[in-house]
Each structure stands twice: as C-alpha cells, then as structure tokens.
C-alpha cells in the first residue's frame, strides 16, 4: 500500500508511545527478565526463555510464562489446582483458549493496546515524534506522528517520515533565511487551494536555489 501524506479522517489520537515511554518499558522489561526464576512446577525439559513475546506480558499476572523446549518456544500455565501437570502449549491461539477474555490482545483491541507495536525505538525516528497504531480501511498498522497535539497529521512509513524531517530541516536552514523569505510573501487569500499550493511550491523552489 503506498504511503499517504497524512490521514485527515483521524480526529482522536490513539494510544501512542514517545521515546521516553519506550525507554521506560525497556527498563521495566530488563528488570523483570533479570529477576525471573524457573517455576518449580515446570517439566524438567523446559527452561526459561531469555526473551518473552509482547502478547504474553499481560498473562504474567495469571502465572503464565514463556519457556524453551528443544529450542522451541512454549507457553506454560501456572500450577493447576488439581495437581495435574501444567499446560504446555506451542501456539498463541491455544493459550488464549485457557485465559479470560480480558487478558487477550485481540485484533480489534490493538488500536489502544498497552503493548507498543515496536519494542525498540526506531533509530531513524526523531525522538520528538511518537508512534502508535492507526486504522487504514480494514487494517491496523504502525503510524508516526510529529506531535500528539495534532492527531490528524501522521505518516505510514520510514520514507515519508524522513522526507518530512528533511523538508523541515531545509526550512530551518541558513539561519532561518528561507523562513524569513517565505514570511514576506502575501497570503493566498481567496485563491483556489490548487493555485495557492502551486505558487507556494514555486516560491519554495526559488528560495532553495537562492540559498544553495
């Protein structure tokens, strides 16, 4: 799907994460993984997995854990009250069959999920931006916002973000000369938006050439 300039249909900001939010989540996750201990009720051939999938995090409060059996990830239930061996499952779907609905991260709930779409901050994304999930048609995918104050303006891809950032740097370059030159132009007034945009594009190009 080609990236869009911005989705003007969005009036409310969904759950988003800033750079500081992601760093805090990573600190908490590292502290959790460091303090984990292998549960006594686990079968002997299962060891702790050093990495835990994001969708498993809400299930920790229920006693579920992620382990390794023969180099494959498995999901182990808490000790069962009837004394039977714990459930050892290989698939997310099977785990969700065993837990209450409120702990499941379903597709329709992903928009405002407490689990970020990325566990690490993208190295190419400015730290003043935020990211989260946005709906496009029947799909939900990662989107990027320059500011939480403007939920209508967001971008779908790294390429579009880098393009917007580059344009903003051009506008701020040469000691604000371009901004000063653009600021001296008259507003479009009652002109049609297409004509106005064309004039702005020509002015921007001329200003860039003047500053080159």
N, C-alpha and C. Protein backbone atom coordinates (compact mmCIF):
# COMPACT_ATOMS: atom_id res chain seq x y z
N UNK A 1 0.85 -1.19 0.00
CA UNK A 1 0.00 0.00 0.00
C UNK A 1 0.88 1.24 0.00
N UNK A 2 0.67 2.19 -0.94
CA UNK A 2 1.52 3.40 -0.98
C UNK A 2 1.30 4.28 0.23
N UNK A 3 2.36 4.90 0.75
CA UNK A 3 2.20 5.77 1.91
C UNK A 3 1.39 7.01 1.57
N UNK A 4 0.67 7.52 2.53
CA UNK A 4 -0.12 8.72 2.34
C UNK A 4 0.60 9.91 2.95
N UNK A 5 0.21 11.11 2.50
CA UNK A 5 0.75 12.31 3.12
C UNK A 5 0.34 12.36 4.58
N UNK A 6 -0.92 12.31 4.80
CA UNK A 6 -1.47 12.32 6.16
C UNK A 6 -2.91 11.88 6.07
N UNK A 7 -3.41 11.28 7.11
CA UNK A 7 -4.78 10.81 7.13
C UNK A 7 -5.64 11.85 7.83
N UNK A 8 -6.43 12.54 7.07
CA UNK A 8 -7.21 13.65 7.62
C UNK A 8 -8.51 13.18 8.27
N UNK A 9 -8.78 11.89 8.29
CA UNK A 9 -10.01 11.39 8.89
C UNK A 9 -9.86 11.17 10.39
N UNK A 10 -8.63 11.16 10.87
CA UNK A 10 -8.39 10.86 12.27
C UNK A 10 -8.54 12.12 13.12
N UNK A 11 -9.50 12.13 14.02
CA UNK A 11 -9.72 13.28 14.89
C UNK A 11 -9.28 13.00 16.32
N UNK A 12 -9.12 11.74 16.66
CA UNK A 12 -8.69 11.38 18.01
C UNK A 12 -7.36 10.65 17.93
N UNK A 13 -6.50 10.98 18.86
CA UNK A 13 -5.20 10.33 18.90
C UNK A 13 -5.32 9.00 19.61
N UNK A 14 -4.92 7.89 18.96
CA UNK A 14 -4.93 6.60 19.65
C UNK A 14 -3.79 6.52 20.65
N UNK A 15 -3.63 5.38 21.26
CA UNK A 15 -2.53 5.18 22.19
C UNK A 15 -1.22 5.32 21.44
N UNK A 16 -0.34 6.19 21.93
CA UNK A 16 0.95 6.39 21.29
C UNK A 16 2.06 6.29 22.32
N UNK A 17 3.29 6.12 21.81
CA UNK A 17 4.46 5.99 22.68
C UNK A 17 5.52 6.99 22.25
N UNK A 18 6.09 7.66 23.22
CA UNK A 18 7.21 8.57 22.98
C UNK A 18 8.53 7.81 23.21
N UNK A 19 9.63 8.48 22.91
CA UNK A 19 10.94 7.88 23.15
C UNK A 19 11.11 7.54 24.63
N UNK A 20 10.68 8.44 25.50
CA UNK A 20 10.79 8.22 26.95
C UNK A 20 9.93 7.03 27.39
N UNK A 21 8.74 6.90 26.79
CA UNK A 21 7.86 5.77 27.12
C UNK A 21 8.52 4.43 26.79
N UNK A 22 9.14 4.35 25.61
CA UNK A 22 9.78 3.11 25.19
C UNK A 22 10.97 2.78 26.08
N UNK A 23 11.75 3.79 26.45
CA UNK A 23 12.90 3.54 27.32
C UNK A 23 12.45 3.04 28.68
N UNK A 24 11.36 3.57 29.21
CA UNK A 24 10.83 3.13 30.50
C UNK A 24 10.34 1.69 30.41
N UNK A 25 9.66 1.35 29.32
CA UNK A 25 9.20 -0.03 29.13
C UNK A 25 10.38 -0.99 29.05
N UNK A 26 11.44 -0.59 28.38
CA UNK A 26 12.62 -1.44 28.26
C UNK A 26 13.30 -1.64 29.62
N UNK A 27 13.33 -0.59 30.42
CA UNK A 27 13.92 -0.72 31.76
C UNK A 27 13.12 -1.71 32.61
N UNK A 28 11.80 -1.59 32.55
CA UNK A 28 10.95 -2.50 33.32
C UNK A 28 11.08 -3.93 32.83
N UNK A 29 11.16 -4.10 31.52
CA UNK A 29 11.29 -5.45 30.96
C UNK A 29 12.63 -6.08 31.35
N UNK A 30 13.70 -5.28 31.30
CA UNK A 30 15.01 -5.80 31.69
C UNK A 30 15.03 -6.21 33.15
N UNK A 31 14.39 -5.41 34.01
CA UNK A 31 14.34 -5.74 35.44
C UNK A 31 13.52 -7.02 35.67
N UNK A 32 12.45 -7.17 34.92
CA UNK A 32 11.62 -8.38 35.04
C UNK A 32 12.41 -9.62 34.61
N UNK A 33 13.07 -9.53 33.44
CA UNK A 33 13.80 -10.69 32.94
C UNK A 33 14.96 -11.06 33.86
N UNK A 34 15.58 -10.07 34.46
CA UNK A 34 16.70 -10.33 35.36
C UNK A 34 16.24 -11.04 36.64
N UNK A 35 15.04 -10.72 37.08
CA UNK A 35 14.55 -11.30 38.32
C UNK A 35 13.75 -12.58 38.16
N UNK A 36 13.59 -13.06 36.92
CA UNK A 36 12.80 -14.28 36.70
C UNK A 36 13.49 -15.50 37.28
N UNK A 37 12.67 -16.43 37.75
CA UNK A 37 13.18 -17.72 38.21
C UNK A 37 12.31 -18.83 37.61
N UNK A 38 12.96 -19.94 37.34
CA UNK A 38 12.22 -21.06 36.74
C UNK A 38 11.22 -21.61 37.76
N UNK A 39 9.92 -21.65 37.40
CA UNK A 39 8.92 -22.17 38.33
C UNK A 39 9.16 -23.64 38.68
N UNK A 40 8.92 -24.01 39.92
CA UNK A 40 9.18 -25.38 40.38
C UNK A 40 8.26 -26.40 39.73
N UNK A 41 7.08 -25.98 39.29
CA UNK A 41 6.12 -26.95 38.77
C UNK A 41 6.35 -27.27 37.28
N UNK A 42 7.36 -26.66 36.67
CA UNK A 42 7.61 -26.90 35.26
C UNK A 42 8.20 -28.29 35.03
N UNK A 43 7.89 -28.91 33.88
CA UNK A 43 8.57 -30.16 33.49
C UNK A 43 10.08 -29.94 33.38
N UNK A 44 10.85 -30.96 33.65
CA UNK A 44 12.30 -30.83 33.71
C UNK A 44 12.94 -30.44 32.39
N UNK A 45 12.27 -30.75 31.27
CA UNK A 45 12.89 -30.47 29.97
C UNK A 45 12.57 -29.07 29.45
N UNK A 46 11.99 -28.21 30.28
CA UNK A 46 11.67 -26.85 29.87
C UNK A 46 12.48 -25.87 30.70
N UNK A 47 13.15 -24.96 30.01
CA UNK A 47 13.94 -23.92 30.67
C UNK A 47 13.33 -22.55 30.34
N UNK A 48 13.72 -21.54 31.10
CA UNK A 48 13.24 -20.20 30.83
C UNK A 48 13.73 -19.69 29.48
N UNK A 49 12.86 -19.05 28.77
CA UNK A 49 13.24 -18.39 27.53
C UNK A 49 13.76 -16.99 27.88
N UNK A 50 14.90 -16.62 27.31
CA UNK A 50 15.51 -15.33 27.65
C UNK A 50 14.74 -14.15 27.08
N UNK A 51 13.86 -14.41 26.12
CA UNK A 51 13.04 -13.36 25.54
C UNK A 51 11.58 -13.77 25.62
N UNK A 52 10.74 -12.76 25.90
CA UNK A 52 9.31 -13.02 26.06
C UNK A 52 8.54 -12.22 25.02
N UNK A 53 7.65 -12.88 24.31
CA UNK A 53 6.84 -12.20 23.30
C UNK A 53 5.92 -11.18 23.97
N UNK A 54 5.69 -10.07 23.26
CA UNK A 54 4.93 -8.96 23.83
C UNK A 54 3.51 -9.38 24.25
N UNK A 55 2.85 -10.23 23.47
CA UNK A 55 1.47 -10.59 23.78
C UNK A 55 1.37 -11.43 25.05
N UNK A 56 2.50 -11.97 25.49
CA UNK A 56 2.49 -12.76 26.72
C UNK A 56 2.54 -11.90 27.99
N UNK A 57 2.94 -10.66 27.85
CA UNK A 57 3.15 -9.82 29.03
C UNK A 57 1.90 -9.67 29.90
N UNK A 58 0.71 -9.42 29.31
CA UNK A 58 -0.47 -9.31 30.18
C UNK A 58 -0.80 -10.59 30.94
N UNK A 59 -0.29 -11.73 30.47
CA UNK A 59 -0.62 -13.01 31.10
C UNK A 59 0.28 -13.32 32.30
N UNK A 60 1.29 -12.50 32.55
CA UNK A 60 2.18 -12.75 33.68
C UNK A 60 1.42 -12.71 35.00
N UNK A 61 0.45 -11.79 35.08
CA UNK A 61 -0.30 -11.68 36.34
C UNK A 61 -1.09 -12.94 36.62
N UNK A 62 -1.32 -13.76 35.60
CA UNK A 62 -2.04 -15.02 35.78
C UNK A 62 -1.09 -16.19 36.08
N UNK A 63 0.22 -15.94 35.97
CA UNK A 63 1.18 -17.01 36.25
C UNK A 63 1.68 -17.73 35.02
N UNK A 64 1.28 -17.30 33.82
CA UNK A 64 1.79 -17.91 32.60
C UNK A 64 3.21 -17.40 32.34
N UNK A 65 4.04 -18.28 31.76
CA UNK A 65 5.41 -17.92 31.45
C UNK A 65 5.82 -18.53 30.11
N UNK A 66 6.87 -17.95 29.52
CA UNK A 66 7.41 -18.46 28.25
C UNK A 66 8.70 -19.21 28.52
N UNK A 67 8.78 -20.42 27.98
CA UNK A 67 9.96 -21.25 28.17
C UNK A 67 10.50 -21.79 26.86
N UNK A 68 11.54 -22.61 26.96
CA UNK A 68 12.15 -23.24 25.80
C UNK A 68 12.16 -24.75 25.98
N UNK A 69 11.69 -25.45 24.97
CA UNK A 69 11.78 -26.92 24.95
C UNK A 69 12.35 -27.32 23.60
N UNK A 70 13.52 -27.92 23.60
CA UNK A 70 14.18 -28.32 22.36
C UNK A 70 14.30 -27.14 21.38
N UNK A 71 14.70 -26.00 21.90
CA UNK A 71 14.93 -24.79 21.11
C UNK A 71 13.66 -24.18 20.53
N UNK A 72 12.51 -24.64 20.98
CA UNK A 72 11.24 -24.08 20.53
C UNK A 72 10.56 -23.37 21.71
N UNK A 73 9.97 -22.23 21.44
CA UNK A 73 9.27 -21.50 22.49
C UNK A 73 7.98 -22.24 22.87
N UNK A 74 7.74 -22.33 24.16
CA UNK A 74 6.50 -22.92 24.66
C UNK A 74 5.93 -21.99 25.73
N UNK A 75 4.65 -22.10 25.95
CA UNK A 75 3.95 -21.24 26.90
C UNK A 75 3.36 -22.13 27.98
N UNK A 76 3.79 -21.89 29.20
CA UNK A 76 3.49 -22.81 30.30
C UNK A 76 2.52 -22.14 31.27
N UNK A 77 1.49 -22.87 31.64
CA UNK A 77 0.47 -22.34 32.54
C UNK A 77 0.97 -22.35 33.98
N UNK A 78 0.29 -21.63 34.86
CA UNK A 78 0.62 -21.75 36.30
C UNK A 78 0.27 -23.14 36.81
N UNK A 79 0.70 -23.44 38.03
CA UNK A 79 0.39 -24.75 38.61
C UNK A 79 -1.12 -24.94 38.68
N UNK A 80 -1.60 -26.10 38.31
CA UNK A 80 -3.03 -26.37 38.28
C UNK A 80 -3.50 -26.85 39.66
N UNK A 81 -4.65 -26.39 40.11
CA UNK A 81 -5.11 -26.72 41.46
C UNK A 81 -5.40 -28.20 41.68
N UNK A 82 -5.64 -28.94 40.59
CA UNK A 82 -5.93 -30.37 40.74
C UNK A 82 -4.68 -31.23 40.80
N UNK A 83 -3.50 -30.58 40.79
CA UNK A 83 -2.26 -31.33 40.88
C UNK A 83 -1.77 -31.91 39.57
N UNK A 84 -2.51 -31.69 38.48
CA UNK A 84 -2.09 -32.19 37.18
C UNK A 84 -0.92 -31.36 36.64
N UNK A 85 -0.15 -31.91 35.70
CA UNK A 85 0.96 -31.13 35.10
C UNK A 85 0.42 -29.87 34.44
N UNK A 86 1.23 -28.84 34.37
CA UNK A 86 0.76 -27.59 33.75
C UNK A 86 0.53 -27.77 32.25
N UNK A 87 -0.27 -26.89 31.70
CA UNK A 87 -0.43 -26.88 30.26
C UNK A 87 0.86 -26.38 29.62
N UNK A 88 1.33 -27.10 28.62
CA UNK A 88 2.50 -26.68 27.84
C UNK A 88 2.03 -26.54 26.40
N UNK A 89 1.92 -25.31 25.93
CA UNK A 89 1.32 -25.04 24.63
C UNK A 89 2.32 -24.38 23.70
N UNK A 90 2.10 -24.60 22.41
CA UNK A 90 3.04 -24.09 21.41
C UNK A 90 2.48 -22.92 20.60
N UNK A 91 1.20 -22.64 20.73
CA UNK A 91 0.61 -21.63 19.87
C UNK A 91 -0.20 -20.62 20.69
N UNK A 92 -0.15 -19.37 20.25
CA UNK A 92 -0.89 -18.28 20.91
C UNK A 92 -2.38 -18.61 21.00
N UNK A 93 -2.93 -19.16 19.93
CA UNK A 93 -4.36 -19.47 19.90
C UNK A 93 -4.74 -20.43 21.02
N UNK A 94 -3.90 -21.42 21.27
CA UNK A 94 -4.19 -22.40 22.33
C UNK A 94 -4.09 -21.76 23.71
N UNK A 95 -3.15 -20.83 23.86
CA UNK A 95 -3.03 -20.14 25.15
C UNK A 95 -4.29 -19.33 25.41
N UNK A 96 -4.75 -18.61 24.40
CA UNK A 96 -5.92 -17.76 24.56
C UNK A 96 -7.19 -18.56 24.87
N UNK A 97 -7.18 -19.83 24.53
CA UNK A 97 -8.32 -20.68 24.89
C UNK A 97 -8.37 -20.96 26.39
N UNK A 98 -7.26 -20.71 27.08
CA UNK A 98 -7.16 -21.06 28.50
C UNK A 98 -7.26 -19.85 29.43
N UNK A 99 -7.28 -18.63 28.88
CA UNK A 99 -7.26 -17.44 29.73
C UNK A 99 -8.53 -16.62 29.55
N UNK A 100 -8.91 -15.82 30.56
CA UNK A 100 -10.09 -14.96 30.43
C UNK A 100 -9.95 -13.98 29.27
N UNK A 101 -11.06 -13.60 28.70
CA UNK A 101 -11.08 -12.76 27.51
C UNK A 101 -10.38 -11.42 27.72
N UNK A 102 -10.48 -10.85 28.92
CA UNK A 102 -9.93 -9.52 29.14
C UNK A 102 -8.41 -9.48 29.05
N UNK A 103 -7.77 -10.65 29.10
CA UNK A 103 -6.31 -10.68 29.01
C UNK A 103 -5.81 -10.91 27.58
N UNK A 104 -6.72 -11.07 26.65
CA UNK A 104 -6.33 -11.33 25.27
C UNK A 104 -6.13 -10.02 24.51
N UNK A 105 -5.10 -9.99 23.70
CA UNK A 105 -4.86 -8.83 22.84
C UNK A 105 -5.42 -9.18 21.46
N UNK A 106 -6.69 -8.90 21.26
CA UNK A 106 -7.34 -9.24 20.01
C UNK A 106 -7.09 -8.14 18.98
N UNK A 107 -7.30 -8.47 17.71
CA UNK A 107 -7.04 -7.54 16.62
C UNK A 107 -7.86 -6.26 16.78
N UNK A 108 -9.13 -6.39 17.12
CA UNK A 108 -9.98 -5.21 17.23
C UNK A 108 -9.61 -4.33 18.42
N UNK A 109 -8.82 -4.87 19.36
CA UNK A 109 -8.42 -4.12 20.54
C UNK A 109 -7.02 -3.52 20.41
N UNK A 110 -6.35 -3.82 19.29
CA UNK A 110 -4.95 -3.42 19.15
C UNK A 110 -4.77 -1.91 19.06
N UNK A 111 -5.78 -1.17 18.61
CA UNK A 111 -5.64 0.27 18.45
C UNK A 111 -5.20 0.94 19.74
N UNK A 112 -5.76 0.52 20.87
CA UNK A 112 -5.44 1.14 22.15
C UNK A 112 -4.79 0.14 23.11
N UNK A 113 -4.12 -0.83 22.54
CA UNK A 113 -3.42 -1.82 23.35
C UNK A 113 -2.30 -1.15 24.14
N UNK A 114 -2.03 -1.68 25.34
CA UNK A 114 -0.92 -1.18 26.16
C UNK A 114 0.42 -1.74 25.69
N UNK A 115 0.39 -2.59 24.68
CA UNK A 115 1.61 -3.16 24.13
C UNK A 115 1.99 -2.38 22.88
N UNK A 116 3.16 -1.73 22.85
CA UNK A 116 3.54 -0.93 21.68
C UNK A 116 3.78 -1.80 20.46
N UNK A 117 3.59 -1.25 19.26
CA UNK A 117 3.83 -2.03 18.04
C UNK A 117 5.30 -2.36 17.82
N UNK A 118 6.19 -1.63 18.50
CA UNK A 118 7.63 -1.90 18.41
C UNK A 118 8.22 -1.90 19.81
N UNK A 119 9.12 -2.85 20.09
CA UNK A 119 9.74 -2.94 21.40
C UNK A 119 10.91 -1.98 21.56
N UNK A 120 11.45 -1.51 20.44
CA UNK A 120 12.58 -0.60 20.49
C UNK A 120 12.27 0.65 19.67
N UNK A 121 12.90 1.74 20.05
CA UNK A 121 12.69 2.99 19.32
C UNK A 121 13.41 2.92 17.98
N UNK A 122 12.71 3.17 16.87
CA UNK A 122 13.37 3.13 15.56
C UNK A 122 14.49 4.17 15.49
N UNK A 123 15.67 3.74 15.06
CA UNK A 123 16.82 4.64 15.08
C UNK A 123 16.64 5.82 14.12
N UNK A 124 15.79 5.69 13.12
CA UNK A 124 15.58 6.76 12.14
C UNK A 124 14.47 7.73 12.56
N UNK A 125 13.73 7.42 13.60
CA UNK A 125 12.60 8.26 14.01
C UNK A 125 13.06 9.33 14.99
N UNK A 126 12.81 10.62 14.71
CA UNK A 126 13.20 11.68 15.64
C UNK A 126 12.60 11.44 17.03
N UNK A 127 13.36 11.75 18.05
CA UNK A 127 12.91 11.45 19.42
C UNK A 127 11.82 12.40 19.91
N UNK A 128 11.51 13.40 19.10
CA UNK A 128 10.41 14.30 19.45
C UNK A 128 9.07 13.80 18.90
N UNK A 129 9.11 12.78 18.04
CA UNK A 129 7.90 12.21 17.46
C UNK A 129 7.32 11.14 18.40
N UNK A 130 6.17 10.62 18.04
CA UNK A 130 5.58 9.47 18.75
C UNK A 130 5.09 8.48 17.71
N UNK A 131 4.90 7.24 18.11
CA UNK A 131 4.31 6.26 17.19
C UNK A 131 3.26 5.43 17.91
N UNK A 132 2.41 4.82 17.11
CA UNK A 132 1.33 4.01 17.65
C UNK A 132 0.68 3.24 16.52
N UNK A 133 -0.59 2.93 16.68
CA UNK A 133 -1.33 2.21 15.65
C UNK A 133 -2.44 3.08 15.10
N UNK A 134 -2.70 2.92 13.81
CA UNK A 134 -3.79 3.66 13.18
C UNK A 134 -4.51 2.74 12.20
N UNK A 135 -5.77 3.01 12.03
CA UNK A 135 -6.58 2.18 11.13
C UNK A 135 -6.52 2.74 9.72
N UNK A 136 -6.36 1.84 8.75
CA UNK A 136 -6.44 2.19 7.35
C UNK A 136 -7.32 1.17 6.67
N UNK A 137 -8.54 1.58 6.37
CA UNK A 137 -9.51 0.63 5.83
C UNK A 137 -9.85 -0.41 6.89
N UNK A 138 -9.67 -1.68 6.54
CA UNK A 138 -9.95 -2.77 7.49
C UNK A 138 -8.69 -3.21 8.22
N UNK A 139 -7.57 -2.54 7.97
CA UNK A 139 -6.29 -2.94 8.55
C UNK A 139 -5.85 -1.95 9.64
N UNK A 140 -5.00 -2.45 10.53
CA UNK A 140 -4.38 -1.61 11.55
C UNK A 140 -2.87 -1.75 11.39
N UNK A 141 -2.18 -0.63 11.30
CA UNK A 141 -0.73 -0.69 11.13
C UNK A 141 -0.06 0.44 11.90
N UNK A 142 1.25 0.35 11.98
CA UNK A 142 2.02 1.35 12.72
C UNK A 142 2.00 2.68 11.98
N UNK A 143 1.83 3.75 12.75
CA UNK A 143 1.84 5.10 12.18
C UNK A 143 2.71 5.99 13.06
N UNK A 144 3.13 7.13 12.50
CA UNK A 144 4.07 8.02 13.17
C UNK A 144 3.51 9.45 13.16
N UNK A 145 3.52 10.10 14.31
CA UNK A 145 3.01 11.46 14.47
C UNK A 145 4.14 12.42 14.83
N UNK A 146 4.21 13.58 14.18
CA UNK A 146 5.19 14.59 14.60
C UNK A 146 4.88 15.14 15.99
N UNK A 147 3.59 15.14 16.36
CA UNK A 147 3.20 15.69 17.65
C UNK A 147 1.89 15.06 18.10
N UNK A 148 1.75 14.88 19.40
CA UNK A 148 0.48 14.39 19.95
C UNK A 148 -0.60 15.46 19.88
N UNK A 149 -0.20 16.71 19.67
CA UNK A 149 -1.16 17.81 19.64
C UNK A 149 -1.97 17.82 18.34
N UNK A 150 -1.50 17.11 17.32
CA UNK A 150 -2.18 17.11 16.02
C UNK A 150 -2.43 15.67 15.58
N UNK A 151 -3.54 15.08 16.04
CA UNK A 151 -3.81 13.68 15.68
C UNK A 151 -4.11 13.47 14.20
N UNK A 152 -4.44 14.54 13.48
CA UNK A 152 -4.79 14.40 12.07
C UNK A 152 -3.57 14.19 11.17
N UNK A 153 -2.40 14.59 11.63
CA UNK A 153 -1.21 14.52 10.79
C UNK A 153 -0.33 13.36 11.23
N UNK A 154 -0.32 12.32 10.43
CA UNK A 154 0.54 11.17 10.72
C UNK A 154 0.99 10.55 9.41
N UNK A 155 2.02 9.69 9.49
CA UNK A 155 2.63 9.11 8.31
C UNK A 155 2.82 7.61 8.52
N UNK A 156 2.80 6.89 7.39
CA UNK A 156 2.79 5.43 7.47
C UNK A 156 4.17 4.78 7.41
N UNK A 157 5.14 5.44 6.83
CA UNK A 157 6.39 4.74 6.52
C UNK A 157 7.62 5.54 6.91
N UNK A 158 8.72 4.85 6.99
CA UNK A 158 10.01 5.49 7.27
C UNK A 158 10.35 6.51 6.18
N UNK A 159 10.07 6.15 4.91
CA UNK A 159 10.39 7.04 3.81
C UNK A 159 9.67 8.38 3.93
N UNK A 160 8.40 8.34 4.30
CA UNK A 160 7.63 9.58 4.43
C UNK A 160 8.11 10.40 5.62
N UNK A 161 8.43 9.72 6.72
CA UNK A 161 8.93 10.45 7.89
C UNK A 161 10.23 11.15 7.56
N UNK A 162 11.14 10.44 6.91
CA UNK A 162 12.43 11.03 6.57
C UNK A 162 12.27 12.18 5.59
N UNK A 163 11.29 12.06 4.69
CA UNK A 163 11.02 13.15 3.75
C UNK A 163 10.53 14.40 4.48
N UNK A 164 9.61 14.20 5.42
CA UNK A 164 9.07 15.33 6.18
C UNK A 164 10.16 15.97 7.03
N UNK A 165 10.99 15.15 7.67
CA UNK A 165 12.08 15.68 8.50
C UNK A 165 13.07 16.46 7.66
N UNK A 166 13.40 15.93 6.47
CA UNK A 166 14.33 16.63 5.59
C UNK A 166 13.77 17.98 5.15
N UNK A 167 12.48 18.01 4.84
CA UNK A 167 11.85 19.27 4.43
C UNK A 167 11.87 20.29 5.56
N UNK A 168 11.63 19.82 6.79
CA UNK A 168 11.64 20.75 7.92
C UNK A 168 13.04 21.29 8.17
N UNK A 169 14.07 20.47 7.93
CA UNK A 169 15.44 20.94 8.11
C UNK A 169 15.80 21.97 7.06
N UNK A 170 15.31 21.78 5.83
CA UNK A 170 15.54 22.77 4.78
C UNK A 170 14.92 24.10 5.17
N UNK A 171 13.71 24.03 5.73
CA UNK A 171 13.01 25.25 6.14
C UNK A 171 13.70 25.97 7.27
N UNK A 172 14.45 25.23 8.10
CA UNK A 172 15.13 25.84 9.23
C UNK A 172 16.57 26.21 8.92
N UNK A 173 17.05 25.84 7.72
CA UNK A 173 18.46 26.04 7.38
C UNK A 173 18.81 27.48 7.08
N UNK A 174 20.09 27.70 6.89
CA UNK A 174 20.64 29.02 6.55
C UNK A 174 20.21 30.10 7.52
N UNK A 175 20.20 29.75 8.81
CA UNK A 175 19.90 30.74 9.83
C UNK A 175 18.51 31.29 9.76
N UNK A 176 17.56 30.49 9.23
CA UNK A 176 16.18 30.95 9.14
C UNK A 176 15.92 31.84 7.94
N UNK A 177 16.86 31.86 7.00
CA UNK A 177 16.71 32.74 5.84
C UNK A 177 15.49 32.37 5.02
N UNK A 178 15.31 31.07 4.81
CA UNK A 178 14.18 30.64 4.00
C UNK A 178 12.87 31.01 4.67
N UNK A 179 12.80 30.78 5.98
CA UNK A 179 11.59 31.12 6.71
C UNK A 179 11.30 32.61 6.60
N UNK A 180 12.36 33.41 6.65
CA UNK A 180 12.18 34.85 6.54
C UNK A 180 11.66 35.24 5.17
N UNK A 181 12.21 34.61 4.13
CA UNK A 181 11.80 34.94 2.77
C UNK A 181 10.37 34.52 2.52
N UNK A 182 10.02 33.33 3.00
CA UNK A 182 8.65 32.85 2.82
C UNK A 182 7.67 33.71 3.61
N UNK A 183 8.13 34.22 4.74
CA UNK A 183 7.25 35.00 5.57
C UNK A 183 6.89 36.34 4.97
N UNK A 184 7.67 36.80 3.98
CA UNK A 184 7.41 38.09 3.36
C UNK A 184 6.36 38.01 2.26
N UNK A 185 5.97 36.80 1.88
CA UNK A 185 5.01 36.66 0.79
C UNK A 185 3.60 36.90 1.29
N UNK A 186 2.75 37.37 0.40
CA UNK A 186 1.36 37.63 0.76
C UNK A 186 0.59 36.33 0.89
N UNK A 187 -0.41 36.25 1.77
CA UNK A 187 -1.23 35.06 1.89
C UNK A 187 -2.02 34.82 0.62
N UNK A 188 -2.52 33.60 0.45
CA UNK A 188 -3.23 33.24 -0.77
C UNK A 188 -4.60 33.91 -0.87
N UNK A 189 -5.13 34.33 0.24
CA UNK A 189 -6.44 34.98 0.22
C UNK A 189 -7.52 34.06 -0.28
N UNK A 190 -8.28 34.52 -1.30
CA UNK A 190 -9.41 33.74 -1.80
C UNK A 190 -9.05 32.86 -2.99
N UNK A 191 -7.77 32.74 -3.27
CA UNK A 191 -7.37 31.90 -4.39
C UNK A 191 -7.71 30.45 -4.12
N UNK A 192 -7.96 29.71 -5.21
CA UNK A 192 -8.21 28.28 -5.06
C UNK A 192 -6.98 27.61 -4.45
N UNK A 193 -7.22 26.58 -3.66
CA UNK A 193 -6.11 25.92 -2.95
C UNK A 193 -5.08 25.35 -3.90
N UNK A 194 -5.52 24.85 -5.08
CA UNK A 194 -4.57 24.28 -6.03
C UNK A 194 -3.62 25.35 -6.53
N UNK A 195 -4.17 26.53 -6.87
CA UNK A 195 -3.32 27.63 -7.33
C UNK A 195 -2.38 28.09 -6.23
N UNK A 196 -2.91 28.15 -5.01
CA UNK A 196 -2.11 28.57 -3.87
C UNK A 196 -0.95 27.61 -3.65
N UNK A 197 -1.23 26.31 -3.68
CA UNK A 197 -0.18 25.31 -3.47
C UNK A 197 0.88 25.40 -4.56
N UNK A 198 0.43 25.68 -5.80
CA UNK A 198 1.38 25.79 -6.91
C UNK A 198 2.32 26.98 -6.70
N UNK A 199 1.75 28.09 -6.26
CA UNK A 199 2.57 29.27 -6.01
C UNK A 199 3.56 29.02 -4.88
N UNK A 200 3.10 28.33 -3.82
CA UNK A 200 3.99 28.04 -2.71
C UNK A 200 5.13 27.13 -3.15
N UNK A 201 4.82 26.15 -4.02
CA UNK A 201 5.85 25.22 -4.48
C UNK A 201 6.91 25.95 -5.29
N UNK A 202 6.46 26.87 -6.17
CA UNK A 202 7.40 27.64 -6.98
C UNK A 202 8.27 28.52 -6.09
N UNK A 203 7.65 29.16 -5.09
CA UNK A 203 8.39 30.02 -4.18
C UNK A 203 9.43 29.22 -3.40
N UNK A 204 9.03 28.04 -2.94
CA UNK A 204 9.96 27.20 -2.19
C UNK A 204 11.14 26.81 -3.04
N UNK A 205 10.88 26.44 -4.29
CA UNK A 205 11.97 26.05 -5.18
C UNK A 205 12.91 27.22 -5.46
N UNK A 206 12.34 28.41 -5.70
CA UNK A 206 13.18 29.58 -5.94
C UNK A 206 14.02 29.93 -4.72
N UNK A 207 13.42 29.77 -3.53
CA UNK A 207 14.13 30.10 -2.29
C UNK A 207 15.27 29.11 -2.05
N UNK A 208 15.04 27.84 -2.35
CA UNK A 208 16.08 26.83 -2.17
C UNK A 208 17.26 27.14 -3.11
N UNK A 209 16.94 27.54 -4.35
CA UNK A 209 18.01 27.88 -5.30
C UNK A 209 18.78 29.10 -4.83
N UNK A 210 18.08 30.06 -4.23
CA UNK A 210 18.74 31.26 -3.76
C UNK A 210 19.68 30.97 -2.59
N UNK A 211 19.34 29.96 -1.81
CA UNK A 211 20.15 29.64 -0.64
C UNK A 211 21.24 28.61 -0.94
N UNK A 212 21.19 28.03 -2.14
CA UNK A 212 22.14 26.97 -2.48
C UNK A 212 23.56 27.54 -2.59
